[in-house]
Amino acid sequence: QGEGHTPVVLGEADDHALLGVVTLEILGLIFNPFKRTLQPMRMLLV
């Protein structure tokens, strides 16, 4: 957990920085909007 690779998208100088869902999933994290925290993702192995 906490290590991985993610695609990078470069924007214009006035664009907002964004840590996206893809990056969070690759790192094994989810965002809890109620507590406003990052939490480990529960993985389902099939």
PDB file of N, CA and C in Angstrom:
ATOM      1  N   GLN A   1       0.837  -1.174   0.000  1.00  0.00           N
ATOM      2  CA  GLN A   1       0.000   0.000   0.000  1.00  0.00           C
ATOM      3  C   GLN A   1       0.883   1.239   0.000  1.00  0.00           C
ATOM      4  N   GLY A   2       0.435   2.281  -0.684  1.00  0.00           N
ATOM      5  CA  GLY A   2       1.145   3.537  -0.685  1.00  0.00           C
ATOM      6  C   GLY A   2       2.162   3.683  -1.796  1.00  0.00           C
ATOM      7  N   GLU A   3       2.365   2.648  -2.612  1.00  0.00           N
ATOM      8  CA  GLU A   3       3.296   2.740  -3.726  1.00  0.00           C
ATOM      9  C   GLU A   3       2.602   2.282  -4.994  1.00  0.00           C
ATOM     10  N   GLY A   4       2.939   2.903  -6.099  1.00  0.00           N
ATOM     11  CA  GLY A   4       2.357   2.495  -7.367  1.00  0.00           C
ATOM     12  C   GLY A   4       2.667   3.489  -8.455  1.00  0.00           C
ATOM     13  N   HIS A   5       2.138   3.230  -9.634  1.00  0.00           N
ATOM     14  CA  HIS A   5       2.317   4.115 -10.777  1.00  0.00           C
ATOM     15  C   HIS A   5       0.954   4.650 -11.169  1.00  0.00           C
ATOM     16  N   THR A   6       0.942   5.831 -11.746  1.00  0.00           N
ATOM     17  CA  THR A   6      -0.312   6.428 -12.178  1.00  0.00           C
ATOM     18  C   THR A   6      -0.095   7.220 -13.461  1.00  0.00           C
ATOM     19  N   PRO A   7      -1.117   7.291 -14.305  1.00  0.00           N
ATOM     20  CA  PRO A   7      -1.001   8.146 -15.490  1.00  0.00           C
ATOM     21  C   PRO A   7      -0.889   9.612 -15.071  1.00  0.00           C
ATOM     22  N   VAL A   8      -0.207  10.401 -15.861  1.00  0.00           N
ATOM     23  CA  VAL A   8      -0.034  11.826 -15.574  1.00  0.00           C
ATOM     24  C   VAL A   8      -0.683  12.631 -16.690  1.00  0.00           C
ATOM     25  N   VAL A   9      -1.488  13.611 -16.301  1.00  0.00           N
ATOM     26  CA  VAL A   9      -2.103  14.516 -17.260  1.00  0.00           C
ATOM     27  C   VAL A   9      -1.598  15.916 -16.941  1.00  0.00           C
ATOM     28  N   LEU A  10      -0.994  16.566 -17.923  1.00  0.00           N
ATOM     29  CA  LEU A  10      -0.484  17.919 -17.726  1.00  0.00           C
ATOM     30  C   LEU A  10      -1.503  18.913 -18.252  1.00  0.00           C
ATOM     31  N   GLY A  11      -1.758  19.961 -17.476  1.00  0.00           N
ATOM     32  CA  GLY A  11      -2.735  20.961 -17.876  1.00  0.00           C
ATOM     33  C   GLY A  11      -2.078  22.310 -18.116  1.00  0.00           C
ATOM     34  N   GLU A  12      -2.904  23.307 -18.169  1.00  0.00           N
ATOM     35  CA  GLU A  12      -2.440  24.682 -18.360  1.00  0.00           C
ATOM     36  C   GLU A  12      -2.036  25.282 -17.015  1.00  0.00           C
ATOM     37  N   ALA A  13      -1.367  26.411 -17.056  1.00  0.00           N
ATOM     38  CA  ALA A  13      -0.839  27.048 -15.841  1.00  0.00           C
ATOM     39  C   ALA A  13      -1.935  27.416 -14.839  1.00  0.00           C
ATOM     40  N   ASP A  14      -3.129  27.775 -15.302  1.00  0.00           N
ATOM     41  CA  ASP A  14      -4.193  28.203 -14.384  1.00  0.00           C
ATOM     42  C   ASP A  14      -5.162  27.084 -14.011  1.00  0.00           C
ATOM     43  N   ASP A  15      -4.872  25.848 -14.393  1.00  0.00           N
ATOM     44  CA  ASP A  15      -5.719  24.707 -14.029  1.00  0.00           C
ATOM     45  C   ASP A  15      -5.500  24.317 -12.568  1.00  0.00           C
ATOM     46  N   HIS A  16      -6.514  23.700 -11.963  1.00  0.00           N
ATOM     47  CA  HIS A  16      -6.426  23.246 -10.577  1.00  0.00           C
ATOM     48  C   HIS A  16      -5.734  21.893 -10.512  1.00  0.00           C
ATOM     49  N   ALA A  17      -4.952  21.686  -9.449  1.00  0.00           N
ATOM     50  CA  ALA A  17      -4.340  20.372  -9.213  1.00  0.00           C
ATOM     51  C   ALA A  17      -5.415  19.424  -8.701  1.00  0.00           C
ATOM     52  N   LEU A  18      -5.344  18.161  -9.113  1.00  0.00           N
ATOM     53  CA  LEU A  18      -6.375  17.202  -8.745  1.00  0.00           C
ATOM     54  C   LEU A  18      -5.755  15.833  -8.544  1.00  0.00           C
ATOM     55  N   LEU A  19      -5.995  15.235  -7.386  1.00  0.00           N
ATOM     56  CA  LEU A  19      -5.616  13.848  -7.146  1.00  0.00           C
ATOM     57  C   LEU A  19      -6.855  13.027  -7.457  1.00  0.00           C
ATOM     58  N   GLY A  20      -6.829  12.291  -8.556  1.00  0.00           N
ATOM     59  CA  GLY A  20      -8.022  11.634  -9.058  1.00  0.00           C
ATOM     60  C   GLY A  20      -8.277  10.269  -8.468  1.00  0.00           C
ATOM     61  N   VAL A  21      -9.437   9.756  -8.792  1.00  0.00           N
ATOM     62  CA  VAL A  21      -9.871   8.448  -8.326  1.00  0.00           C
ATOM     63  C   VAL A  21      -8.924   7.358  -8.804  1.00  0.00           C
ATOM     64  N   VAL A  22      -8.439   7.474 -10.040  1.00  0.00           N
ATOM     65  CA  VAL A  22      -7.522   6.460 -10.576  1.00  0.00           C
ATOM     66  C   VAL A  22      -6.266   6.382  -9.716  1.00  0.00           C
ATOM     67  N   THR A  23      -5.701   7.533  -9.381  1.00  0.00           N
ATOM     68  CA  THR A  23      -4.497   7.565  -8.549  1.00  0.00           C
ATOM     69  C   THR A  23      -4.768   6.961  -7.181  1.00  0.00           C
ATOM     70  N   LEU A  24      -5.889   7.318  -6.567  1.00  0.00           N
ATOM     71  CA  LEU A  24      -6.221   6.772  -5.250  1.00  0.00           C
ATOM     72  C   LEU A  24      -6.385   5.256  -5.312  1.00  0.00           C
ATOM     73  N   GLU A  25      -7.055   4.750  -6.356  1.00  0.00           N
ATOM     74  CA  GLU A  25      -7.252   3.306  -6.492  1.00  0.00           C
ATOM     75  C   GLU A  25      -5.923   2.585  -6.686  1.00  0.00           C
ATOM     76  N   ILE A  26      -5.034   3.146  -7.490  1.00  0.00           N
ATOM     77  CA  ILE A  26      -3.730   2.529  -7.707  1.00  0.00           C
ATOM     78  C   ILE A  26      -2.951   2.458  -6.401  1.00  0.00           C
ATOM     79  N   LEU A  27      -3.085   3.477  -5.561  1.00  0.00           N
ATOM     80  CA  LEU A  27      -2.391   3.501  -4.274  1.00  0.00           C
ATOM     81  C   LEU A  27      -3.133   2.717  -3.196  1.00  0.00           C
ATOM     82  N   GLY A  28      -4.297   2.150  -3.519  1.00  0.00           N
ATOM     83  CA  GLY A  28      -5.053   1.352  -2.562  1.00  0.00           C
ATOM     84  C   GLY A  28      -5.774   2.180  -1.516  1.00  0.00           C
ATOM     85  N   LEU A  29      -6.203   3.379  -1.907  1.00  0.00           N
ATOM     86  CA  LEU A  29      -6.871   4.280  -0.974  1.00  0.00           C
ATOM     87  C   LEU A  29      -8.245   4.675  -1.501  1.00  0.00           C
ATOM     88  N   ILE A  30      -9.132   5.058  -0.575  1.00  0.00           N
ATOM     89  CA  ILE A  30     -10.416   5.654  -0.937  1.00  0.00           C
ATOM     90  C   ILE A  30     -10.591   6.928  -0.113  1.00  0.00           C
ATOM     91  N   PHE A  31     -11.379   7.854  -0.628  1.00  0.00           N
ATOM     92  CA  PHE A  31     -11.670   9.099   0.077  1.00  0.00           C
ATOM     93  C   PHE A  31     -13.004   8.962   0.782  1.00  0.00           C
ATOM     94  N   ASN A  32     -13.018   9.225   2.093  1.00  0.00           N
ATOM     95  CA  ASN A  32     -14.251   9.217   2.865  1.00  0.00           C
ATOM     96  C   ASN A  32     -14.768  10.658   2.900  1.00  0.00           C
ATOM     97  N   PRO A  33     -15.854  10.960   2.158  1.00  0.00           N
ATOM     98  CA  PRO A  33     -16.326  12.343   2.090  1.00  0.00           C
ATOM     99  C   PRO A  33     -16.949  12.846   3.391  1.00  0.00           C
ATOM    100  N   PHE A  34     -17.375  11.946   4.258  1.00  0.00           N
ATOM    101  CA  PHE A  34     -17.995  12.366   5.514  1.00  0.00           C
ATOM    102  C   PHE A  34     -16.943  12.789   6.532  1.00  0.00           C
ATOM    103  N   LYS A  35     -15.851  12.034   6.612  1.00  0.00           N
ATOM    104  CA  LYS A  35     -14.762  12.368   7.538  1.00  0.00           C
ATOM    105  C   LYS A  35     -13.665  13.184   6.863  1.00  0.00           C
ATOM    106  N   ARG A  36     -13.732  13.290   5.522  1.00  0.00           N
ATOM    107  CA  ARG A  36     -12.734  13.990   4.717  1.00  0.00           C
ATOM    108  C   ARG A  36     -11.332  13.441   4.982  1.00  0.00           C
ATOM    109  N   THR A  37     -11.237  12.100   4.929  1.00  0.00           N
ATOM    110  CA  THR A  37      -9.965  11.419   5.151  1.00  0.00           C
ATOM    111  C   THR A  37      -9.737  10.381   4.063  1.00  0.00           C
ATOM    112  N   LEU A  38      -8.475   9.973   3.910  1.00  0.00           N
ATOM    113  CA  LEU A  38      -8.134   8.854   3.040  1.00  0.00           C
ATOM    114  C   LEU A  38      -8.061   7.605   3.890  1.00  0.00           C
ATOM    115  N   GLN A  39      -8.624   6.512   3.382  1.00  0.00           N
ATOM    116  CA  GLN A  39      -8.639   5.252   4.118  1.00  0.00           C
ATOM    117  C   GLN A  39      -8.166   4.137   3.205  1.00  0.00           C
ATOM    118  N   PRO A  40      -7.594   3.075   3.783  1.00  0.00           N
ATOM    119  CA  PRO A  40      -7.204   1.923   2.961  1.00  0.00           C
ATOM    120  C   PRO A  40      -8.433   1.314   2.290  1.00  0.00           C
ATOM    121  N   MET A  41      -8.267   0.911   1.041  1.00  0.00           N
ATOM    122  CA  MET A  41      -9.355   0.293   0.284  1.00  0.00           C
ATOM    123  C   MET A  41      -9.450  -1.182   0.659  1.00  0.00           C
ATOM    124  N   ARG A  42     -10.651  -1.671   0.825  1.00  0.00           N
ATOM    125  CA  ARG A  42     -10.851  -3.104   1.045  1.00  0.00           C
ATOM    126  C   ARG A  42     -10.823  -3.779  -0.309  1.00  0.00           C
ATOM    127  N   MET A  43      -9.874  -4.665  -0.494  1.00  0.00           N
ATOM    128  CA  MET A  43      -9.711  -5.334  -1.784  1.00  0.00           C
ATOM    129  C   MET A  43     -10.524  -6.620  -1.809  1.00  0.00           C
ATOM    130  N   LEU A  44     -11.109  -6.921  -2.951  1.00  0.00           N
ATOM    131  CA  LEU A  44     -11.828  -8.165  -3.154  1.00  0.00           C
ATOM    132  C   LEU A  44     -11.030  -8.992  -4.142  1.00  0.00           C
ATOM    133  N   LEU A  45     -10.471 -10.086  -3.675  1.00  0.00           N
ATOM    134  CA  LEU A  45      -9.686 -10.960  -4.534  1.00  0.00           C
ATOM    135  C   LEU A  45     -10.584 -12.043  -5.088  1.00  0.00           C
ATOM    136  N   VAL A  46     -10.635 -12.172  -6.401  1.00  0.00           N
ATOM    137  CA  VAL A  46     -11.477 -13.197  -7.027  1.00  0.00           C
ATOM    138  C   VAL A  46     -10.651 -14.100  -7.905  1.00  0.00           C
TER     139      VAL A  46
END
